[in-house]
């Protein structure tokens, strides 16, 4: 048994200290980033925010909507081959959508079939497991990298620098960071395992950047200010689930309760997801997600204006003309309170 005494921090534990700025308007802030990935050598240009590969948010409809904002989507794993072939064959900007897969032989065979039929049209892949600390996962990343050297590979999830480095050395261009911070994830409750998300971002970003890799902060963002803190902490990309749930572009029917409209949203390790895709929760495991009803939010465009506007405003407070500069301009201060909630939570 070992206890680490060093304090780790989450988004709620800090604020960003303002600094002198020459910016006069949020419109002067450039949120686009450009990366040349370590292994694929592909060049990415866009706003580095990705809709999560959950079956509600990781939809083709979401990809179409977010493409107009220069954002990306990690498509969920449950589209059939024909749909994936048709979509990726016609996709013009390749970074708009990541193909998502697990690490079973069936996952690899399906991906190989789609790649063959789509004439290698896929350039961005998300290899996604809940626990990125297994040898099997690392070896799978090596296998995909060896088989398809042209791919830009995002792989995770992990929360520590050592495995971040190992995944980059195994062939990952982007390491996905986060265990347990998601709004419909119950891993921390069910297993006691996790890591405060801001500290995970800071530590994994430091490890990845030392090897020329990138990280994607996955989970824990509740308000636009959390994205600013994630980028300020060193995240290159941010993946959003709950903040993009409940919109027209999300899968799932509208549910009406007492005259109000909602959309269902659940974790991909929840009982709802496993009932839908795996015939129920296997006897050797427990559900590690929950199902909630999200108030219906209409088109995603309005939410994107709020999210991107918040990040632009954060940049003006610290004098960052470009999103790239935000990390260098960020000083976190520890706090005991984030908001004045005398009139309730907003």
C-alpha atoms as a PDB file:
ATOM      1  CA  UNK A   1       0.000   0.000   0.000  1.00  0.00           C
ATOM      2  CA  UNK A   2       1.265   3.455  -0.939  1.00  0.00           C
ATOM      3  CA  UNK A   3      -0.139   6.933  -0.338  1.00  0.00           C
ATOM      4  CA  UNK A   4       0.837   9.944  -2.439  1.00  0.00           C
ATOM      5  CA  UNK A   5       0.483  13.086  -0.340  1.00  0.00           C
ATOM      6  CA  UNK A   6       0.721  15.613  -3.207  1.00  0.00           C
ATOM      7  CA  UNK A   7      -2.576  17.439  -3.750  1.00  0.00           C
ATOM      8  CA  UNK A   8      -4.238  16.854  -7.124  1.00  0.00           C
ATOM      9  CA  UNK A   9      -6.699  19.374  -8.565  1.00  0.00           C
ATOM     10  CA  UNK A  10      -9.949  19.393 -10.516  1.00  0.00           C
ATOM     11  CA  UNK A  11     -11.550  22.211 -12.498  1.00  0.00           C
ATOM     12  CA  UNK A  12     -13.598  23.290  -9.466  1.00  0.00           C
ATOM     13  CA  UNK A  13     -10.433  23.788  -7.393  1.00  0.00           C
ATOM     14  CA  UNK A  14      -8.938  26.635  -9.436  1.00  0.00           C
ATOM     15  CA  UNK A  15      -9.603  29.863 -11.295  1.00  0.00           C
ATOM     16  CA  UNK A  16      -7.443  31.515 -13.964  1.00  0.00           C
ATOM     17  CA  UNK A  17      -5.780  34.735 -12.850  1.00  0.00           C
ATOM     18  CA  UNK A  18      -6.345  37.651 -15.285  1.00  0.00           C
ATOM     19  CA  UNK A  19      -3.339  39.378 -16.842  1.00  0.00           C
ATOM     20  CA  UNK A  20      -2.586  42.523 -18.804  1.00  0.00           C
ATOM     21  CA  UNK A  21      -3.957  42.266 -22.347  1.00  0.00           C
ATOM     22  CA  UNK A  22      -3.720  44.273 -25.559  1.00  0.00           C
ATOM     23  CA  UNK A  23      -6.857  42.612 -26.971  1.00  0.00           C
ATOM     24  CA  UNK A  24      -9.839  44.920 -27.350  1.00  0.00           C
ATOM     25  CA  UNK A  25     -12.428  42.363 -28.494  1.00  0.00           C
ATOM     26  CA  UNK A  26     -13.146  38.642 -28.272  1.00  0.00           C
ATOM     27  CA  UNK A  27     -13.358  38.653 -32.062  1.00  0.00           C
ATOM     28  CA  UNK A  28      -9.584  39.145 -32.212  1.00  0.00           C
ATOM     29  CA  UNK A  29      -8.951  35.734 -30.647  1.00  0.00           C
ATOM     30  CA  UNK A  30      -7.992  32.903 -33.014  1.00  0.00           C
ATOM     31  CA  UNK A  31      -9.193  29.531 -31.687  1.00  0.00           C
ATOM     32  CA  UNK A  32      -7.735  27.483 -34.545  1.00  0.00           C
ATOM     33  CA  UNK A  33      -4.772  25.231 -33.851  1.00  0.00           C
ATOM     34  CA  UNK A  34      -2.369  23.567 -36.239  1.00  0.00           C
ATOM     35  CA  UNK A  35      -0.604  20.325 -35.366  1.00  0.00           C
ATOM     36  CA  UNK A  36       1.680  18.032 -37.331  1.00  0.00           C
ATOM     37  CA  UNK A  37       1.181  14.652 -35.699  1.00  0.00           C
ATOM     38  CA  UNK A  38       4.198  12.718 -34.487  1.00  0.00           C
ATOM     39  CA  UNK A  39       3.546   9.398 -36.211  1.00  0.00           C
ATOM     40  CA  UNK A  40       1.118  10.043 -39.077  1.00  0.00           C
ATOM     41  CA  UNK A  41       2.832  13.316 -40.080  1.00  0.00           C
ATOM     42  CA  UNK A  42      -0.608  14.583 -41.074  1.00  0.00           C
ATOM     43  CA  UNK A  43      -1.355  18.283 -40.553  1.00  0.00           C
ATOM     44  CA  UNK A  44      -4.455  19.190 -38.537  1.00  0.00           C
ATOM     45  CA  UNK A  45      -6.102  22.609 -38.738  1.00  0.00           C
ATOM     46  CA  UNK A  46      -9.248  23.438 -36.813  1.00  0.00           C
ATOM     47  CA  UNK A  47     -10.721  24.202 -33.412  1.00  0.00           C
ATOM     48  CA  UNK A  48      -9.576  21.237 -31.298  1.00  0.00           C
ATOM     49  CA  UNK A  49     -12.858  20.256 -29.676  1.00  0.00           C
ATOM     50  CA  UNK A  50     -14.300  16.787 -30.345  1.00  0.00           C
ATOM     51  CA  UNK A  51     -17.791  15.429 -29.672  1.00  0.00           C
ATOM     52  CA  UNK A  52     -17.490  12.211 -27.662  1.00  0.00           C
ATOM     53  CA  UNK A  53     -17.983   8.818 -29.295  1.00  0.00           C
ATOM     54  CA  UNK A  54     -21.110   8.076 -27.262  1.00  0.00           C
ATOM     55  CA  UNK A  55     -24.058   6.838 -29.280  1.00  0.00           C
ATOM     56  CA  UNK A  56     -26.022  10.007 -28.502  1.00  0.00           C
ATOM     57  CA  UNK A  57     -23.376  12.632 -29.308  1.00  0.00           C
ATOM     58  CA  UNK A  58     -21.039  10.785 -31.694  1.00  0.00           C
ATOM     59  CA  UNK A  59     -23.411  10.951 -34.649  1.00  0.00           C
ATOM     60  CA  UNK A  60     -23.033  11.762 -38.322  1.00  0.00           C
ATOM     61  CA  UNK A  61     -25.599  14.533 -37.824  1.00  0.00           C
ATOM     62  CA  UNK A  62     -23.406  16.043 -35.106  1.00  0.00           C
ATOM     63  CA  UNK A  63     -20.373  15.791 -37.383  1.00  0.00           C
ATOM     64  CA  UNK A  64     -22.210  17.682 -40.121  1.00  0.00           C
ATOM     65  CA  UNK A  65     -23.226  20.433 -37.702  1.00  0.00           C
ATOM     66  CA  UNK A  66     -19.834  20.804 -36.025  1.00  0.00           C
ATOM     67  CA  UNK A  67     -17.908  20.771 -39.301  1.00  0.00           C
ATOM     68  CA  UNK A  68     -19.297  24.254 -39.926  1.00  0.00           C
ATOM     69  CA  UNK A  69     -17.623  25.400 -36.696  1.00  0.00           C
ATOM     70  CA  UNK A  70     -14.325  23.636 -37.618  1.00  0.00           C
ATOM     71  CA  UNK A  71     -14.827  21.099 -34.820  1.00  0.00           C
ATOM     72  CA  UNK A  72     -14.639  17.301 -34.955  1.00  0.00           C
ATOM     73  CA  UNK A  73     -16.682  14.287 -33.862  1.00  0.00           C
ATOM     74  CA  UNK A  74     -15.579  10.840 -32.772  1.00  0.00           C
ATOM     75  CA  UNK A  75     -18.311   8.672 -34.280  1.00  0.00           C
ATOM     76  CA  UNK A  76     -19.748   5.994 -32.020  1.00  0.00           C
ATOM     77  CA  UNK A  77     -18.775   2.350 -32.562  1.00  0.00           C
ATOM     78  CA  UNK A  78     -22.177   1.022 -33.541  1.00  0.00           C
ATOM     79  CA  UNK A  79     -22.685   2.272 -37.100  1.00  0.00           C
ATOM     80  CA  UNK A  80     -22.849  -0.554 -39.622  1.00  0.00           C
ATOM     81  CA  UNK A  81     -20.230  -1.080 -42.312  1.00  0.00           C
ATOM     82  CA  UNK A  82     -22.311   0.287 -45.183  1.00  0.00           C
ATOM     83  CA  UNK A  83     -23.060   3.547 -43.341  1.00  0.00           C
ATOM     84  CA  UNK A  84     -19.398   4.024 -42.397  1.00  0.00           C
ATOM     85  CA  UNK A  85     -18.121   3.289 -45.897  1.00  0.00           C
ATOM     86  CA  UNK A  86     -20.575   5.713 -47.485  1.00  0.00           C
ATOM     87  CA  UNK A  87     -19.818   8.430 -44.952  1.00  0.00           C
ATOM     88  CA  UNK A  88     -16.029   8.267 -44.966  1.00  0.00           C
ATOM     89  CA  UNK A  89     -15.813   7.855 -48.731  1.00  0.00           C
ATOM     90  CA  UNK A  90     -17.611  11.154 -49.176  1.00  0.00           C
ATOM     91  CA  UNK A  91     -15.926  13.032 -46.317  1.00  0.00           C
ATOM     92  CA  UNK A  92     -13.904  15.964 -47.662  1.00  0.00           C
ATOM     93  CA  UNK A  93     -12.178  17.286 -44.514  1.00  0.00           C
ATOM     94  CA  UNK A  94     -10.795  14.117 -42.947  1.00  0.00           C
ATOM     95  CA  UNK A  95     -10.365  15.561 -39.438  1.00  0.00           C
ATOM     96  CA  UNK A  96     -14.129  16.138 -39.193  1.00  0.00           C
ATOM     97  CA  UNK A  97     -14.687  12.563 -38.003  1.00  0.00           C
ATOM     98  CA  UNK A  98     -12.712   9.935 -36.104  1.00  0.00           C
ATOM     99  CA  UNK A  99     -13.576   6.285 -36.677  1.00  0.00           C
ATOM    100  CA  UNK A 100     -13.994   4.724 -33.209  1.00  0.00           C
ATOM    101  CA  UNK A 101     -13.182   1.145 -32.287  1.00  0.00           C
ATOM    102  CA  UNK A 102     -12.489  -1.121 -29.354  1.00  0.00           C
ATOM    103  CA  UNK A 103      -9.712  -3.696 -29.125  1.00  0.00           C
ATOM    104  CA  UNK A 104     -11.389  -7.001 -29.933  1.00  0.00           C
ATOM    105  CA  UNK A 105     -10.624  -9.052 -33.020  1.00  0.00           C
ATOM    106  CA  UNK A 106     -14.134  -8.271 -34.240  1.00  0.00           C
ATOM    107  CA  UNK A 107     -13.398  -4.542 -33.952  1.00  0.00           C
ATOM    108  CA  UNK A 108     -10.221  -4.936 -36.000  1.00  0.00           C
ATOM    109  CA  UNK A 109     -11.920  -7.027 -38.659  1.00  0.00           C
ATOM    110  CA  UNK A 110     -14.746  -4.519 -39.021  1.00  0.00           C
ATOM    111  CA  UNK A 111     -12.297  -1.627 -39.335  1.00  0.00           C
ATOM    112  CA  UNK A 112     -10.225  -3.516 -41.887  1.00  0.00           C
ATOM    113  CA  UNK A 113     -13.335  -4.238 -43.934  1.00  0.00           C
ATOM    114  CA  UNK A 114     -14.430  -0.591 -43.866  1.00  0.00           C
ATOM    115  CA  UNK A 115     -10.927   0.579 -44.821  1.00  0.00           C
ATOM    116  CA  UNK A 116     -10.795  -1.826 -47.752  1.00  0.00           C
ATOM    117  CA  UNK A 117     -14.226  -0.875 -49.046  1.00  0.00           C
ATOM    118  CA  UNK A 118     -13.599   2.865 -48.487  1.00  0.00           C
ATOM    119  CA  UNK A 119     -10.190   2.679 -50.227  1.00  0.00           C
ATOM    120  CA  UNK A 120      -8.314   3.797 -47.086  1.00  0.00           C
ATOM    121  CA  UNK A 121     -10.377   7.001 -46.903  1.00  0.00           C
ATOM    122  CA  UNK A 122     -10.251   7.067 -43.097  1.00  0.00           C
ATOM    123  CA  UNK A 123      -7.362   9.117 -41.681  1.00  0.00           C
ATOM    124  CA  UNK A 124      -8.400   9.673 -38.040  1.00  0.00           C
ATOM    125  CA  UNK A 125      -9.078   6.825 -35.611  1.00  0.00           C
ATOM    126  CA  UNK A 126     -10.033   6.697 -31.935  1.00  0.00           C
ATOM    127  CA  UNK A 127      -9.037   3.478 -30.153  1.00  0.00           C
ATOM    128  CA  UNK A 128     -11.209   3.665 -27.086  1.00  0.00           C
ATOM    129  CA  UNK A 129     -11.282   1.599 -23.899  1.00  0.00           C
ATOM    130  CA  UNK A 130     -12.207   2.498 -20.337  1.00  0.00           C
ATOM    131  CA  UNK A 131      -8.894   1.215 -18.974  1.00  0.00           C
ATOM    132  CA  UNK A 132      -5.847   2.095 -21.026  1.00  0.00           C
ATOM    133  CA  UNK A 133      -3.395   0.469 -18.634  1.00  0.00           C
ATOM    134  CA  UNK A 134      -3.483  -3.077 -20.003  1.00  0.00           C
ATOM    135  CA  UNK A 135      -0.746  -4.665 -22.099  1.00  0.00           C
ATOM    136  CA  UNK A 136      -3.415  -5.847 -24.516  1.00  0.00           C
ATOM    137  CA  UNK A 137      -4.459  -2.247 -25.207  1.00  0.00           C
ATOM    138  CA  UNK A 138      -0.915  -1.027 -25.764  1.00  0.00           C
ATOM    139  CA  UNK A 139      -0.185  -3.964 -28.075  1.00  0.00           C
ATOM    140  CA  UNK A 140      -3.383  -3.235 -30.016  1.00  0.00           C
ATOM    141  CA  UNK A 141      -2.246   0.351 -30.594  1.00  0.00           C
ATOM    142  CA  UNK A 142       1.062  -1.041 -31.921  1.00  0.00           C
ATOM    143  CA  UNK A 143      -0.856  -3.398 -34.213  1.00  0.00           C
ATOM    144  CA  UNK A 144      -2.999  -0.637 -35.717  1.00  0.00           C
ATOM    145  CA  UNK A 145       0.018   1.637 -36.151  1.00  0.00           C
ATOM    146  CA  UNK A 146       1.999  -1.109 -37.899  1.00  0.00           C
ATOM    147  CA  UNK A 147      -0.899  -2.131 -40.144  1.00  0.00           C
ATOM    148  CA  UNK A 148      -2.004   1.400 -41.055  1.00  0.00           C
ATOM    149  CA  UNK A 149       0.998   3.739 -40.717  1.00  0.00           C
ATOM    150  CA  UNK A 150      -0.838   6.667 -42.341  1.00  0.00           C
ATOM    151  CA  UNK A 151      -3.474   6.915 -39.601  1.00  0.00           C
ATOM    152  CA  UNK A 152      -3.660   9.630 -36.983  1.00  0.00           C
ATOM    153  CA  UNK A 153      -4.400   7.566 -33.869  1.00  0.00           C
ATOM    154  CA  UNK A 154      -6.054   8.820 -30.702  1.00  0.00           C
ATOM    155  CA  UNK A 155      -5.932   6.240 -27.906  1.00  0.00           C
ATOM    156  CA  UNK A 156      -7.043   6.072 -24.288  1.00  0.00           C
ATOM    157  CA  UNK A 157      -8.100   6.456 -21.597  1.00  0.00           C
ATOM    158  CA  UNK A 158      -5.274   7.048 -19.132  1.00  0.00           C
ATOM    159  CA  UNK A 159      -4.464   9.643 -16.453  1.00  0.00           C
ATOM    160  CA  UNK A 160      -0.728   9.383 -15.747  1.00  0.00           C
ATOM    161  CA  UNK A 161       2.422  10.424 -17.537  1.00  0.00           C
ATOM    162  CA  UNK A 162       4.105   7.029 -17.652  1.00  0.00           C
ATOM    163  CA  UNK A 163       1.407   5.322 -19.726  1.00  0.00           C
ATOM    164  CA  UNK A 164       0.927   8.479 -21.799  1.00  0.00           C
ATOM    165  CA  UNK A 165       4.553   8.118 -22.855  1.00  0.00           C
ATOM    166  CA  UNK A 166       4.172   4.393 -23.466  1.00  0.00           C
ATOM    167  CA  UNK A 167       1.143   4.914 -25.719  1.00  0.00           C
ATOM    168  CA  UNK A 168       2.951   7.533 -27.786  1.00  0.00           C
ATOM    169  CA  UNK A 169       5.927   5.219 -28.161  1.00  0.00           C
ATOM    170  CA  UNK A 170       3.487   2.456 -29.171  1.00  0.00           C
ATOM    171  CA  UNK A 171       2.112   4.572 -32.006  1.00  0.00           C
ATOM    172  CA  UNK A 172      -0.522   6.949 -30.621  1.00  0.00           C
ATOM    173  CA  UNK A 173      -0.462  10.530 -31.894  1.00  0.00           C
ATOM    174  CA  UNK A 174      -3.030  11.747 -29.340  1.00  0.00           C
ATOM    175  CA  UNK A 175      -3.534  10.222 -25.894  1.00  0.00           C
ATOM    176  CA  UNK A 176      -7.039  10.477 -24.436  1.00  0.00           C
ATOM    177  CA  UNK A 177      -6.946  11.525 -20.782  1.00  0.00           C
ATOM    178  CA  UNK A 178      -9.634  10.947 -18.161  1.00  0.00           C
ATOM    179  CA  UNK A 179     -10.858   8.175 -15.877  1.00  0.00           C
ATOM    180  CA  UNK A 180     -14.127   8.821 -14.127  1.00  0.00           C
ATOM    181  CA  UNK A 181     -14.795  12.572 -14.640  1.00  0.00           C
ATOM    182  CA  UNK A 182     -17.675  12.212 -17.130  1.00  0.00           C
ATOM    183  CA  UNK A 183     -21.166  13.384 -16.236  1.00  0.00           C
ATOM    184  CA  UNK A 184     -22.708   9.932 -16.754  1.00  0.00           C
ATOM    185  CA  UNK A 185     -19.696   7.885 -15.650  1.00  0.00           C
ATOM    186  CA  UNK A 186     -19.820   6.019 -12.321  1.00  0.00           C
ATOM    187  CA  UNK A 187     -16.366   4.399 -12.471  1.00  0.00           C
ATOM    188  CA  UNK A 188     -15.131   6.277  -9.415  1.00  0.00           C
ATOM    189  CA  UNK A 189     -18.187   5.272  -7.428  1.00  0.00           C
ATOM    190  CA  UNK A 190     -18.131   1.630  -8.506  1.00  0.00           C
ATOM    191  CA  UNK A 191     -14.365   1.024  -8.422  1.00  0.00           C
ATOM    192  CA  UNK A 192     -12.762   3.760  -6.342  1.00  0.00           C
ATOM    193  CA  UNK A 193     -10.369   4.396  -9.232  1.00  0.00           C
ATOM    194  CA  UNK A 194      -9.750   7.792 -10.824  1.00  0.00           C
ATOM    195  CA  UNK A 195      -7.664  10.951 -10.919  1.00  0.00           C
ATOM    196  CA  UNK A 196      -8.661  14.633 -10.641  1.00  0.00           C
ATOM    197  CA  UNK A 197      -8.994  15.785 -14.222  1.00  0.00           C
ATOM    198  CA  UNK A 198      -7.015  19.046 -14.211  1.00  0.00           C
ATOM    199  CA  UNK A 199      -3.965  17.425 -12.639  1.00  0.00           C
ATOM    200  CA  UNK A 200      -4.280  14.516 -15.061  1.00  0.00           C
ATOM    201  CA  UNK A 201      -4.260  16.981 -17.961  1.00  0.00           C
ATOM    202  CA  UNK A 202      -1.231  18.887 -16.640  1.00  0.00           C
ATOM    203  CA  UNK A 203       0.814  15.742 -15.968  1.00  0.00           C
ATOM    204  CA  UNK A 204      -0.133  13.871 -19.165  1.00  0.00           C
ATOM    205  CA  UNK A 205       0.379  16.951 -21.346  1.00  0.00           C
ATOM    206  CA  UNK A 206       3.865  17.395 -19.956  1.00  0.00           C
ATOM    207  CA  UNK A 207       4.673  13.752 -20.707  1.00  0.00           C
ATOM    208  CA  UNK A 208       3.155  13.801 -24.207  1.00  0.00           C
ATOM    209  CA  UNK A 209       4.709  17.074 -25.318  1.00  0.00           C
ATOM    210  CA  UNK A 210       8.146  15.826 -24.294  1.00  0.00           C
ATOM    211  CA  UNK A 211       7.798  13.113 -26.958  1.00  0.00           C
ATOM    212  CA  UNK A 212       6.149  15.281 -29.598  1.00  0.00           C
ATOM    213  CA  UNK A 213       2.648  13.905 -28.957  1.00  0.00           C
ATOM    214  CA  UNK A 214      -0.673  15.505 -28.043  1.00  0.00           C
ATOM    215  CA  UNK A 215      -3.396  14.813 -25.482  1.00  0.00           C
ATOM    216  CA  UNK A 216      -7.188  15.022 -25.562  1.00  0.00           C
ATOM    217  CA  UNK A 217      -8.872  15.881 -22.261  1.00  0.00           C
ATOM    218  CA  UNK A 218     -11.919  13.612 -22.072  1.00  0.00           C
ATOM    219  CA  UNK A 219     -14.598  14.333 -19.494  1.00  0.00           C
ATOM    220  CA  UNK A 220     -15.271  16.705 -16.643  1.00  0.00           C
ATOM    221  CA  UNK A 221     -16.121  19.884 -18.552  1.00  0.00           C
ATOM    222  CA  UNK A 222     -19.454  21.210 -17.320  1.00  0.00           C
ATOM    223  CA  UNK A 223     -19.287  24.899 -18.334  1.00  0.00           C
ATOM    224  CA  UNK A 224     -17.258  26.822 -20.949  1.00  0.00           C
ATOM    225  CA  UNK A 225     -14.826  27.972 -18.269  1.00  0.00           C
ATOM    226  CA  UNK A 226     -13.784  24.350 -17.749  1.00  0.00           C
ATOM    227  CA  UNK A 227     -12.620  24.180 -21.373  1.00  0.00           C
ATOM    228  CA  UNK A 228     -10.515  27.293 -20.800  1.00  0.00           C
ATOM    229  CA  UNK A 229      -8.949  25.621 -17.746  1.00  0.00           C
ATOM    230  CA  UNK A 230      -8.306  22.405 -19.688  1.00  0.00           C
ATOM    231  CA  UNK A 231      -6.617  24.271 -22.535  1.00  0.00           C
ATOM    232  CA  UNK A 232      -4.765  26.412 -19.995  1.00  0.00           C
ATOM    233  CA  UNK A 233      -3.534  23.236 -18.298  1.00  0.00           C
ATOM    234  CA  UNK A 234      -1.990  21.967 -21.511  1.00  0.00           C
ATOM    235  CA  UNK A 235      -4.734  20.033 -23.309  1.00  0.00           C
ATOM    236  CA  UNK A 236      -4.317  20.053 -27.076  1.00  0.00           C
ATOM    237  CA  UNK A 237      -7.824  18.684 -27.729  1.00  0.00           C
ATOM    238  CA  UNK A 238     -10.942  18.476 -25.561  1.00  0.00           C
ATOM    239  CA  UNK A 239     -13.668  15.842 -25.867  1.00  0.00           C
ATOM    240  CA  UNK A 240     -17.208  16.796 -24.821  1.00  0.00           C
ATOM    241  CA  UNK A 241     -20.148  14.519 -24.030  1.00  0.00           C
ATOM    242  CA  UNK A 242     -22.667  15.976 -21.599  1.00  0.00           C
ATOM    243  CA  UNK A 243     -22.177  19.556 -22.806  1.00  0.00           C
ATOM    244  CA  UNK A 244     -23.281  18.474 -26.298  1.00  0.00           C
ATOM    245  CA  UNK A 245     -26.105  16.147 -25.183  1.00  0.00           C
ATOM    246  CA  UNK A 246     -29.782  16.969 -25.603  1.00  0.00           C
ATOM    247  CA  UNK A 247     -29.508  18.627 -29.013  1.00  0.00           C
ATOM    248  CA  UNK A 248     -31.316  17.962 -32.283  1.00  0.00           C
ATOM    249  CA  UNK A 249     -28.165  16.371 -33.704  1.00  0.00           C
ATOM    250  CA  UNK A 250     -28.010  13.797 -30.903  1.00  0.00           C
ATOM    251  CA  UNK A 251     -29.481  10.345 -31.357  1.00  0.00           C
ATOM    252  CA  UNK A 252     -32.512   9.337 -29.317  1.00  0.00           C
ATOM    253  CA  UNK A 253     -36.167  10.246 -29.134  1.00  0.00           C
ATOM    254  CA  UNK A 254     -37.612  13.243 -27.356  1.00  0.00           C
ATOM    255  CA  UNK A 255     -39.269  12.382 -24.041  1.00  0.00           C
ATOM    256  CA  UNK A 256     -42.037  14.580 -22.648  1.00  0.00           C
ATOM    257  CA  UNK A 257     -42.553  14.910 -18.885  1.00  0.00           C
ATOM    258  CA  UNK A 258     -45.033  17.353 -17.359  1.00  0.00           C
ATOM    259  CA  UNK A 259     -45.073  19.417 -20.532  1.00  0.00           C
ATOM    260  CA  UNK A 260     -41.261  19.666 -20.771  1.00  0.00           C
ATOM    261  CA  UNK A 261     -39.091  17.977 -23.386  1.00  0.00           C
ATOM    262  CA  UNK A 262     -35.993  15.883 -22.638  1.00  0.00           C
ATOM    263  CA  UNK A 263     -33.532  13.600 -24.405  1.00  0.00           C
ATOM    264  CA  UNK A 264     -32.045  10.459 -22.896  1.00  0.00           C
ATOM    265  CA  UNK A 265     -28.305  10.452 -22.240  1.00  0.00           C
ATOM    266  CA  UNK A 266     -26.318   7.569 -20.807  1.00  0.00           C
ATOM    267  CA  UNK A 267     -22.757   6.389 -20.347  1.00  0.00           C
ATOM    268  CA  UNK A 268     -21.460   3.734 -22.725  1.00  0.00           C
ATOM    269  CA  UNK A 269     -20.706   1.454 -19.759  1.00  0.00           C
ATOM    270  CA  UNK A 270     -24.188   1.925 -18.323  1.00  0.00           C
ATOM    271  CA  UNK A 271     -26.838  -0.769 -18.069  1.00  0.00           C
ATOM    272  CA  UNK A 272     -28.837   1.047 -20.769  1.00  0.00           C
ATOM    273  CA  UNK A 273     -25.933   0.855 -23.238  1.00  0.00           C
ATOM    274  CA  UNK A 274     -25.101  -2.767 -22.441  1.00  0.00           C
ATOM    275  CA  UNK A 275     -28.750  -3.801 -22.718  1.00  0.00           C
ATOM    276  CA  UNK A 276     -28.837  -2.153 -26.143  1.00  0.00           C
ATOM    277  CA  UNK A 277     -25.559  -3.447 -27.580  1.00  0.00           C
ATOM    278  CA  UNK A 278     -24.392  -6.439 -25.520  1.00  0.00           C
ATOM    279  CA  UNK A 279     -27.557  -8.204 -24.439  1.00  0.00           C
ATOM    280  CA  UNK A 280     -27.228  -6.942 -20.872  1.00  0.00           C
ATOM    281  CA  UNK A 281     -24.554  -6.549 -18.218  1.00  0.00           C
ATOM    282  CA  UNK A 282     -22.185  -9.534 -18.225  1.00  0.00           C
ATOM    283  CA  UNK A 283     -22.172 -11.511 -14.971  1.00  0.00           C
ATOM    284  CA  UNK A 284     -18.469 -10.852 -14.349  1.00  0.00           C
ATOM    285  CA  UNK A 285     -18.814  -7.055 -14.316  1.00  0.00           C
ATOM    286  CA  UNK A 286     -20.871  -4.124 -13.018  1.00  0.00           C
ATOM    287  CA  UNK A 287     -22.399  -1.172 -14.774  1.00  0.00           C
ATOM    288  CA  UNK A 288     -20.112   1.873 -14.608  1.00  0.00           C
ATOM    289  CA  UNK A 289     -22.457   4.465 -16.080  1.00  0.00           C
ATOM    290  CA  UNK A 290     -25.852   5.992 -15.520  1.00  0.00           C
ATOM    291  CA  UNK A 291     -28.817   7.169 -17.574  1.00  0.00           C
ATOM    292  CA  UNK A 292     -30.287  10.663 -17.242  1.00  0.00           C
ATOM    293  CA  UNK A 293     -32.787  12.894 -18.987  1.00  0.00           C
ATOM    294  CA  UNK A 294     -31.239  16.070 -20.446  1.00  0.00           C
ATOM    295  CA  UNK A 295     -33.517  19.077 -21.032  1.00  0.00           C
ATOM    296  CA  UNK A 296     -34.019  19.451 -24.786  1.00  0.00           C
ATOM    297  CA  UNK A 297     -31.621  22.101 -26.110  1.00  0.00           C
ATOM    298  CA  UNK A 298     -32.584  22.485 -29.779  1.00  0.00           C
ATOM    299  CA  UNK A 299     -29.873  22.886 -32.451  1.00  0.00           C
ATOM    300  CA  UNK A 300     -26.264  22.584 -31.298  1.00  0.00           C
ATOM    301  CA  UNK A 301     -25.273  25.902 -32.915  1.00  0.00           C
ATOM    302  CA  UNK A 302     -26.395  28.015 -29.939  1.00  0.00           C
ATOM    303  CA  UNK A 303     -24.454  25.879 -27.482  1.00  0.00           C
ATOM    304  CA  UNK A 304     -21.373  26.141 -29.702  1.00  0.00           C
ATOM    305  CA  UNK A 305     -21.630  29.926 -29.634  1.00  0.00           C
ATOM    306  CA  UNK A 306     -21.678  29.835 -25.824  1.00  0.00           C
ATOM    307  CA  UNK A 307     -18.777  27.360 -25.603  1.00  0.00           C
ATOM    308  CA  UNK A 308     -16.512  29.053 -28.135  1.00  0.00           C
ATOM    309  CA  UNK A 309     -17.459  32.517 -26.873  1.00  0.00           C
ATOM    310  CA  UNK A 310     -16.471  31.524 -23.346  1.00  0.00           C
ATOM    311  CA  UNK A 311     -13.057  30.269 -24.441  1.00  0.00           C
ATOM    312  CA  UNK A 312     -12.464  33.402 -26.526  1.00  0.00           C
ATOM    313  CA  UNK A 313     -13.364  35.548 -23.526  1.00  0.00           C
ATOM    314  CA  UNK A 314     -10.928  33.607 -21.319  1.00  0.00           C
ATOM    315  CA  UNK A 315      -8.191  34.337 -23.840  1.00  0.00           C
ATOM    316  CA  UNK A 316      -8.935  38.074 -23.686  1.00  0.00           C
ATOM    317  CA  UNK A 317      -8.674  38.025 -19.878  1.00  0.00           C
ATOM    318  CA  UNK A 318      -5.098  36.728 -20.025  1.00  0.00           C
ATOM    319  CA  UNK A 319      -3.930  38.391 -23.240  1.00  0.00           C
ATOM    320  CA  UNK A 320      -3.782  35.289 -25.437  1.00  0.00           C
ATOM    321  CA  UNK A 321      -4.265  36.319 -29.069  1.00  0.00           C
ATOM    322  CA  UNK A 322      -4.357  32.664 -30.120  1.00  0.00           C
ATOM    323  CA  UNK A 323      -5.576  29.521 -28.374  1.00  0.00           C
ATOM    324  CA  UNK A 324      -2.022  28.212 -28.706  1.00  0.00           C
ATOM    325  CA  UNK A 325      -0.860  30.964 -26.326  1.00  0.00           C
ATOM    326  CA  UNK A 326      -3.388  30.216 -23.588  1.00  0.00           C
ATOM    327  CA  UNK A 327      -1.236  27.645 -21.769  1.00  0.00           C
ATOM    328  CA  UNK A 328       1.732  30.036 -21.553  1.00  0.00           C
ATOM    329  CA  UNK A 329      -0.548  32.833 -20.343  1.00  0.00           C
ATOM    330  CA  UNK A 330      -2.357  30.748 -17.709  1.00  0.00           C
ATOM    331  CA  UNK A 331      -1.679  31.019 -13.994  1.00  0.00           C
ATOM    332  CA  UNK A 332      -4.041  28.961 -11.840  1.00  0.00           C
ATOM    333  CA  UNK A 333      -4.969  30.101  -8.362  1.00  0.00           C
ATOM    334  CA  UNK A 334      -6.441  27.636  -5.891  1.00  0.00           C
ATOM    335  CA  UNK A 335      -9.862  28.586  -4.537  1.00  0.00           C
ATOM    336  CA  UNK A 336     -12.471  27.272  -2.133  1.00  0.00           C
ATOM    337  CA  UNK A 337     -15.438  28.674  -4.066  1.00  0.00           C
ATOM    338  CA  UNK A 338     -16.159  29.110  -7.775  1.00  0.00           C
ATOM    339  CA  UNK A 339     -19.508  30.880  -7.947  1.00  0.00           C
ATOM    340  CA  UNK A 340     -21.850  33.093  -5.970  1.00  0.00           C
ATOM    341  CA  UNK A 341     -24.995  30.956  -5.781  1.00  0.00           C
ATOM    342  CA  UNK A 342     -27.070  33.091  -3.427  1.00  0.00           C
ATOM    343  CA  UNK A 343     -29.893  33.069  -5.967  1.00  0.00           C
ATOM    344  CA  UNK A 344     -29.439  29.417  -6.878  1.00  0.00           C
ATOM    345  CA  UNK A 345     -27.460  27.586  -9.500  1.00  0.00           C
ATOM    346  CA  UNK A 346     -27.707  28.861 -13.063  1.00  0.00           C
END
